[in-house]
Protein backbone atom coordinates (compact mmCIF):
# COMPACT_ATOMS: atom_id res chain seq x y z
CA MET A 1 46.67 -22.16 -8.02
CA GLU A 2 45.14 -19.15 -6.28
CA THR A 3 45.95 -16.97 -9.31
CA ILE A 4 44.19 -19.43 -11.58
CA GLY A 5 41.09 -19.35 -9.34
CA ILE A 6 40.94 -15.55 -9.44
CA PHE A 7 41.37 -15.59 -13.22
CA GLU A 8 38.53 -18.08 -13.61
CA GLU A 9 36.27 -15.97 -11.38
CA MET A 10 37.05 -12.85 -13.41
CA THR A 11 36.38 -14.71 -16.63
CA ASN A 12 33.03 -15.98 -15.34
CA THR A 13 32.04 -12.49 -14.14
CA LEU A 14 32.91 -10.96 -17.52
CA ALA A 15 30.87 -13.66 -19.25
CA LYS A 16 27.90 -12.87 -16.99
CA LEU A 17 28.24 -9.17 -17.73
CA GLN A 18 28.36 -9.86 -21.46
CA LYS A 19 25.27 -12.05 -21.20
CA GLY A 20 23.63 -9.39 -19.04
CA TYR A 21 24.30 -6.75 -21.68
CA GLU A 22 22.66 -8.99 -24.27
CA THR A 23 19.67 -9.53 -21.95
CA LEU A 24 19.24 -5.81 -21.25
CA SER A 25 19.53 -4.95 -24.94
CA GLN A 26 16.48 -7.16 -25.59
CA ILE A 27 14.30 -5.22 -23.12
CA ASP A 28 12.53 -2.31 -24.79
CA GLU A 29 10.22 -1.11 -22.02
CA ILE A 30 9.54 -1.92 -18.37
CA LYS A 31 5.79 -2.34 -18.00
CA VAL A 32 3.99 -2.46 -14.67
CA ALA A 33 0.29 -2.27 -13.76
CA THR A 34 -0.87 -3.85 -17.02
CA THR A 35 -4.22 -5.27 -15.84
CA PRO A 36 -6.83 -3.33 -17.88
CA LYS A 37 -8.74 -0.64 -16.01
CA THR A 38 -10.84 2.40 -16.88
CA LEU A 39 -10.77 5.90 -15.39
CA VAL A 40 -14.23 6.54 -13.91
CA TRP A 41 -13.87 9.46 -11.46
CA GLN A 42 -11.50 12.32 -10.74
CA MET A 43 -11.20 15.15 -8.20
CA ASP A 44 -8.17 17.41 -8.62
CA LYS A 45 -5.16 15.07 -9.06
CA VAL A 46 -6.89 12.09 -7.41
CA LYS A 47 -8.43 9.48 -9.71
CA VAL A 48 -10.46 6.29 -9.36
CA TYR A 49 -10.04 3.44 -11.85
CA HIS A 50 -12.40 0.50 -12.31
CA TYR A 51 -10.71 -2.78 -13.25
CA ASP A 52 -12.25 -4.32 -16.36
CA ARG A 53 -14.00 -7.65 -16.01
CA GLU A 54 -14.90 -10.08 -18.79
CA THR A 55 -17.34 -12.02 -16.59
CA PRO A 56 -19.81 -10.92 -13.89
CA ALA A 57 -18.32 -10.59 -10.41
CA LYS A 58 -19.10 -13.32 -7.89
CA CYS A 59 -19.08 -10.77 -5.08
CA LYS A 60 -22.23 -8.66 -5.14
CA ILE A 61 -20.75 -5.59 -3.44
CA PRO A 62 -17.76 -3.85 -5.10
CA VAL A 63 -14.40 -3.18 -3.47
CA LEU A 64 -12.52 0.13 -3.35
CA VAL A 65 -8.76 -0.14 -2.76
CA SER A 66 -6.71 2.64 -1.15
CA PHE A 67 -2.92 2.31 -1.18
CA ALA A 68 -0.38 4.46 0.70
CA MET A 69 -0.18 8.04 -0.54
CA MET A 70 3.63 8.07 -0.41
CA ASN A 71 3.89 5.16 -2.87
CA ARG A 72 2.25 4.23 -6.15
CA HIS A 73 -0.44 1.56 -6.14
CA ASP A 74 1.24 -0.11 -9.14
CA VAL A 75 2.98 -2.61 -6.84
CA LEU A 76 -0.42 -4.25 -6.34
CA ASP A 77 -0.36 -5.10 -10.05
CA LEU A 78 3.37 -5.46 -10.64
CA GLN A 79 3.10 -8.11 -13.35
CA PRO A 80 0.44 -10.67 -14.34
CA ASP A 81 1.81 -13.51 -12.20
CA ARG A 82 2.59 -11.24 -9.22
CA SER A 83 -0.54 -9.11 -9.07
CA LEU A 84 -2.77 -8.98 -6.01
CA MET A 85 -5.35 -7.02 -8.00
CA LYS A 86 -5.49 -9.55 -10.83
CA LYS A 87 -5.76 -12.39 -8.32
CA LEU A 88 -8.67 -10.71 -6.54
CA LEU A 89 -10.35 -10.14 -9.91
CA ASP A 90 -9.84 -13.79 -10.84
CA GLU A 91 -11.40 -14.75 -7.50
CA GLY A 92 -14.55 -12.85 -8.42
CA LEU A 93 -14.26 -9.39 -6.86
CA ASP A 94 -15.37 -6.19 -8.59
CA ILE A 95 -12.53 -3.75 -7.91
CA TYR A 96 -12.02 0.02 -7.99
CA ILE A 97 -8.68 1.56 -7.03
CA ILE A 98 -7.64 5.05 -5.96
CA ASP A 99 -4.71 6.75 -7.67
CA TRP A 100 -3.59 9.53 -5.30
CA GLY A 101 -1.62 11.25 -8.05
CA TYR A 102 1.58 13.28 -7.81
CA PRO A 103 1.29 16.31 -5.48
CA THR A 104 3.14 19.46 -6.56
CA LYS A 105 4.02 22.71 -4.80
CA SER A 106 0.45 23.89 -5.32
CA ASP A 107 -0.75 21.04 -3.08
CA LYS A 108 1.40 21.87 -0.05
CA TYR A 109 -1.58 23.07 1.98
CA LEU A 110 -3.67 19.92 1.45
CA THR A 111 -4.52 18.47 4.86
CA MET A 112 -5.46 15.04 6.12
CA GLU A 113 -9.03 16.35 6.18
CA ASP A 114 -8.76 17.08 2.45
CA TYR A 115 -7.61 13.53 1.77
CA ILE A 116 -10.01 11.63 4.07
CA ASP A 117 -13.10 13.87 4.24
CA GLY A 118 -12.58 15.06 0.68
CA TYR A 119 -10.95 12.65 -1.74
CA LEU A 120 -11.52 9.32 0.04
CA LYS A 121 -15.11 10.20 0.90
CA GLY A 122 -15.68 11.38 -2.67
CA ALA A 123 -14.31 8.11 -4.07
CA VAL A 124 -16.44 6.00 -1.71
CA ASP A 125 -19.55 8.00 -2.56
CA TYR A 126 -18.85 7.65 -6.27
CA VAL A 127 -18.67 3.84 -6.05
CA ARG A 128 -21.84 3.77 -3.93
CA LYS A 129 -23.71 5.97 -6.40
CA ALA A 130 -22.38 4.20 -9.51
CA ASN A 131 -23.64 0.86 -8.17
CA ASN A 132 -26.81 2.22 -6.52
CA ILE A 133 -25.88 0.73 -3.14
CA PRO A 134 -25.63 2.20 0.39
CA THR A 135 -22.36 0.47 1.38
CA ILE A 136 -19.18 -0.80 -0.29
CA ASN A 137 -16.20 -2.91 0.73
CA LEU A 138 -13.09 -0.84 1.50
CA MET A 139 -9.51 -2.16 1.42
CA GLY A 140 -6.70 -0.03 2.81
CA ILE A 141 -3.01 -0.86 2.52
CA CYS A 142 -0.17 0.40 4.74
CA GLN A 143 -0.75 4.15 5.28
CA GLY A 144 -3.92 3.73 3.24
CA GLY A 145 -5.10 1.20 5.83
CA THR A 146 -4.68 3.69 8.65
CA PHE A 147 -6.56 6.38 6.74
CA SER A 148 -9.27 3.91 5.71
CA THR A 149 -9.81 2.96 9.36
CA ILE A 150 -10.10 6.63 10.32
CA PHE A 151 -12.67 6.99 7.52
CA ALA A 152 -14.54 3.90 8.76
CA ALA A 153 -14.78 5.38 12.26
CA LEU A 154 -16.23 8.62 10.87
CA TYR A 155 -18.51 7.11 8.21
CA PRO A 156 -19.38 3.55 9.30
CA GLU A 157 -22.74 3.72 7.50
CA LYS A 158 -20.96 3.81 4.13
CA LEU A 159 -19.00 0.54 4.50
CA ASN A 160 -19.99 -3.11 4.30
CA THR A 161 -16.55 -4.44 5.28
CA LEU A 162 -13.07 -3.07 5.96
CA THR A 163 -9.89 -4.97 5.10
CA VAL A 164 -6.48 -3.55 6.04
CA TYR A 165 -3.03 -4.82 5.12
CA VAL A 166 0.21 -4.09 7.04
CA ALA A 167 -1.21 -0.84 8.43
CA PRO A 168 0.23 1.09 11.40
CA PHE A 169 -2.06 2.01 14.30
CA ASP A 170 -0.12 1.96 17.58
CA PHE A 171 3.02 4.08 17.23
CA SER A 172 4.34 3.58 20.75
CA THR A 173 6.57 0.65 19.83
CA ASP A 174 10.33 1.09 19.40
CA LYS A 175 10.80 -2.16 17.46
CA CYS A 176 11.46 -0.27 14.22
CA MET A 177 13.99 2.53 13.56
CA LEU A 178 11.32 4.43 11.63
CA TYR A 179 9.22 4.72 14.77
CA LYS A 180 12.25 5.99 16.73
CA TRP A 181 13.36 8.58 14.18
CA THR A 182 9.96 10.20 13.83
CA LYS A 183 9.87 10.97 17.56
CA TYR A 184 12.78 13.39 17.07
CA LEU A 185 12.04 14.62 13.56
CA ASP A 186 11.69 18.41 13.26
CA VAL A 187 8.67 18.07 11.03
CA ASP A 188 7.68 21.73 11.40
CA ALA A 189 11.03 22.87 10.02
CA MET A 190 10.76 20.38 7.14
CA VAL A 191 7.24 21.42 6.16
CA ASP A 192 7.78 25.15 6.64
CA THR A 193 10.94 24.99 4.53
CA MET A 194 9.97 22.60 1.75
CA GLY A 195 6.17 22.86 1.61
CA VAL A 196 5.88 19.52 -0.14
CA ILE A 197 8.05 16.70 1.23
CA PRO A 198 10.12 15.23 -1.64
CA ALA A 199 9.88 11.52 -2.29
CA ASP A 200 13.69 11.28 -2.23
CA VAL A 201 13.70 12.41 1.42
CA LEU A 202 11.18 9.74 2.39
CA ASN A 203 12.93 7.02 0.38
CA ALA A 204 16.27 7.84 1.99
CA GLY A 205 14.70 7.19 5.39
CA PHE A 206 13.16 3.89 4.31
CA GLY A 207 16.48 2.87 2.74
CA MET A 208 18.28 3.31 6.07
CA LEU A 209 15.94 0.82 7.78
CA LYS A 210 17.84 -2.04 6.14
CA PRO A 211 20.90 -0.60 4.37
CA SER A 212 22.40 -3.99 3.55
CA ALA A 213 19.38 -4.82 1.37
CA ASP A 214 20.59 -2.63 -1.50
CA ILE A 215 24.01 -4.30 -1.52
CA THR A 216 22.48 -7.77 -1.45
CA LYS A 217 20.00 -7.08 -4.24
CA TYR A 218 22.67 -5.84 -6.65
CA PHE A 219 24.82 -8.92 -6.09
CA SER A 220 21.70 -10.99 -6.68
CA VAL A 221 20.83 -9.26 -9.93
CA LEU A 222 24.40 -9.71 -11.15
CA ASP A 223 24.05 -13.45 -10.63
CA ASN A 224 20.81 -13.49 -12.63
CA LEU A 225 21.61 -11.11 -15.48
CA ASP A 226 21.61 -14.00 -17.94
CA ASP A 227 17.98 -14.77 -17.02
CA LYS A 228 15.66 -12.35 -18.83
CA GLU A 229 12.58 -13.07 -16.71
CA LYS A 230 14.39 -12.64 -13.40
CA THR A 231 16.00 -9.46 -14.69
CA LEU A 232 12.58 -8.13 -15.72
CA ASN A 233 11.22 -8.97 -12.26
CA PHE A 234 14.01 -6.93 -10.71
CA LEU A 235 13.56 -3.99 -13.08
CA ARG A 236 9.80 -3.85 -12.53
CA MET A 237 10.29 -3.61 -8.78
CA GLU A 238 13.00 -0.97 -9.17
CA SER A 239 10.76 0.98 -11.56
CA TRP A 240 8.02 1.02 -8.93
CA LYS A 241 10.39 1.97 -6.08
CA ASN A 242 11.77 4.90 -8.09
CA ASP A 243 8.32 6.22 -9.01
CA CYS A 244 7.27 7.64 -5.65
CA PRO A 245 5.13 10.78 -5.31
CA ASP A 246 6.00 13.72 -3.09
CA ILE A 247 3.61 14.27 -0.18
CA SER A 248 1.68 17.34 0.91
CA GLY A 249 3.43 19.14 3.74
CA GLU A 250 0.35 19.72 5.88
CA LEU A 251 -0.73 16.10 5.52
CA TYR A 252 2.77 14.99 6.51
CA ARG A 253 2.86 17.37 9.50
CA LYS A 254 -0.33 15.94 11.03
CA TYR A 255 0.65 12.36 10.14
CA ILE A 256 3.98 12.62 11.97
CA LYS A 257 2.90 14.77 14.93
CA ASP A 258 -0.53 13.33 15.75
CA LEU A 259 0.09 9.69 14.85
CA PHE A 260 3.79 8.78 14.97
CA ARG A 261 4.77 11.21 17.73
CA ASP A 262 1.70 11.57 19.95
CA ASN A 263 0.01 8.23 19.10
CA LYS A 264 -3.39 9.89 19.32
CA LEU A 265 -5.39 7.42 17.20
CA ILE A 266 -4.95 4.37 19.42
CA LYS A 267 -5.35 6.56 22.54
CA GLY A 268 -8.73 7.83 21.34
CA GLU A 269 -7.50 11.43 21.15
CA PHE A 270 -7.08 11.87 17.39
CA GLU A 271 -9.16 14.63 15.78
CA LEU A 272 -10.09 15.13 12.15
CA GLY A 273 -12.06 18.19 11.13
CA GLY A 274 -12.87 18.97 14.76
CA ARG A 275 -14.26 15.48 15.45
CA ILE A 276 -12.74 12.87 17.75
CA VAL A 277 -12.09 9.66 15.81
CA ASN A 278 -13.55 6.91 18.00
CA LEU A 279 -12.37 3.49 16.86
CA LYS A 280 -15.36 1.92 18.60
CA ASN A 281 -17.40 3.28 15.67
CA VAL A 282 -15.64 0.81 13.36
CA THR A 283 -18.45 -1.72 13.55
CA MET A 284 -18.40 -3.36 10.11
CA PRO A 285 -16.67 -6.75 9.59
CA PHE A 286 -12.93 -6.14 9.89
CA LEU A 287 -10.02 -8.18 8.47
CA ASN A 288 -6.56 -7.13 9.67
CA ILE A 289 -3.60 -8.62 7.78
CA TYR A 290 -0.03 -8.28 9.02
CA ALA A 291 3.27 -9.65 7.69
CA THR A 292 5.16 -11.69 10.28
CA ASP A 293 8.58 -10.49 8.99
CA ASP A 294 7.60 -6.87 8.37
CA ASN A 295 10.62 -4.58 8.90
CA ILE A 296 8.65 -1.37 8.20
CA ILE A 297 5.46 -1.75 10.26
CA PRO A 298 6.02 -3.75 13.49
CA ASN A 299 3.42 -6.44 14.10
CA GLU A 300 2.39 -4.98 17.45
CA SER A 301 1.62 -1.67 15.74
CA THR A 302 -0.87 -3.38 13.42
CA ILE A 303 -2.36 -5.90 15.85
CA ALA A 304 -3.22 -3.35 18.55
CA VAL A 305 -6.21 -1.90 16.68
CA ASN A 306 -8.29 -5.08 16.96
CA ALA A 307 -8.79 -4.53 20.68
CA LYS A 308 -9.92 -0.94 20.09
CA ILE A 309 -12.51 -1.26 17.32
CA GLY A 310 -16.19 -1.98 17.87
CA SER A 311 -16.60 -4.75 15.28
CA LYS A 312 -17.91 -8.08 16.56
CA ASP A 313 -16.85 -9.79 13.32
CA LYS A 314 -13.10 -9.14 13.30
CA GLU A 315 -10.16 -11.28 12.34
CA LEU A 316 -6.36 -11.07 12.54
CA TYR A 317 -4.47 -12.80 9.76
CA ALA A 318 -0.74 -13.46 10.05
CA PHE A 319 0.89 -13.65 6.63
CA PRO A 320 4.34 -15.31 6.54
CA GLY A 321 6.65 -12.84 4.82
CA GLY A 322 7.69 -9.21 4.58
CA HIS A 323 5.94 -5.91 3.99
CA ILE A 324 6.12 -5.99 0.19
CA GLY A 325 5.75 -9.76 -0.02
CA VAL A 326 2.11 -9.33 0.99
CA PHE A 327 1.49 -7.96 -2.50
CA VAL A 328 4.05 -9.53 -4.82
CA GLY A 329 5.09 -12.85 -3.31
CA GLY A 330 4.13 -16.20 -4.72
CA ARG A 331 2.43 -17.15 -1.46
CA SER A 332 0.33 -14.00 -1.70
CA GLN A 333 -1.03 -15.28 -5.01
CA LYS A 334 -1.72 -18.78 -3.77
CA GLU A 335 -2.93 -18.07 -0.25
CA LEU A 336 -3.68 -14.46 0.61
CA GLY A 337 -5.61 -13.40 -2.49
CA PRO A 338 -8.10 -16.31 -2.30
CA LYS A 339 -8.42 -15.87 1.49
CA VAL A 340 -9.29 -12.17 1.21
CA ALA A 341 -11.68 -12.70 -1.70
CA LYS A 342 -13.53 -15.46 0.15
CA TRP A 343 -13.76 -13.40 3.35
CA VAL A 344 -15.18 -10.36 1.54
CA THR A 345 -17.55 -12.38 -0.66
CA GLU A 346 -19.03 -14.26 2.30
CA ARG A 347 -19.90 -10.92 3.89
CA SER A 348 -21.35 -9.43 0.71
CA LYS A 349 -24.16 -11.89 -0.03
CA THR A 350 -26.99 -9.48 0.74
CA LEU A 351 -27.21 -6.66 -1.78
CA VAL A 352 -29.39 -3.73 -0.81
CA ARG A 353 -30.15 -1.10 -3.43
CA LYS A 354 -30.45 2.54 -2.46
């Protein structure tokens, strides 16, 4: 009887594989980030796109989105029914997004000052000038949220609101292996040897945070190979995960040493371009979103910044789910997108022209 059971299981598996082959043969191209947008500004490899709208925006002040520099922003627009950007557009926001590009060996000397005082400031100033307004709404996600908050502390007069998602601020916690490893990482040797830190090195570290996840996902995809839509969902996510940029060595050096290792930002000791970054200067309305089951950025790392900033209008929002689920989950579409759009719109009712 046991032999018969094994034979049946093998037969079923072979049938699934055959059906999976038929499913995969019907897929010509994996498309992500399909919401229409137009290139409107560029400095070196960094670009800003403006999402196309068919109707006027309900929110009077536009939004600029900054994603993490070590990942592609495409995950925010993974597919039409799992797109935070499309949802925010549908809710009435006027959205610009930064594409940080793909650094090469020639970019190894780019510093955090180049990215924040140079590229981010240039993008913010472009959106302000293009719309003839003194302030814009800034949204920063993960690493982009940390950098956006640093920018907000240095240039508060340029922002109407600041929204951050799953962003790290307090690096003293040991609740995540990533935070432990970086304390002992010989970042100087890495940067001096490689110049630009390869994406494969960074991805290997992230993969070790939850090594069982890769095993689980491949068993899951095997079970769903006969379902074309589920297979496409899987392939889109894998396409995004495998399309990571390298990162400038000097940016990485300061990021690891000053933030992860020495925790200078939350202590009030962090310097950028010779200036102390005082979080009390973050005085614009502030929305801080964290994922309750985040295995990459511990909740306490994100939450800590609210006690340090100077904003009187500040809100913490606990989103049920994981780090990536904030952008691609079904609940993100139904709950988070409308919540963020409403929060920003309510604080953008007064439009002042320059």
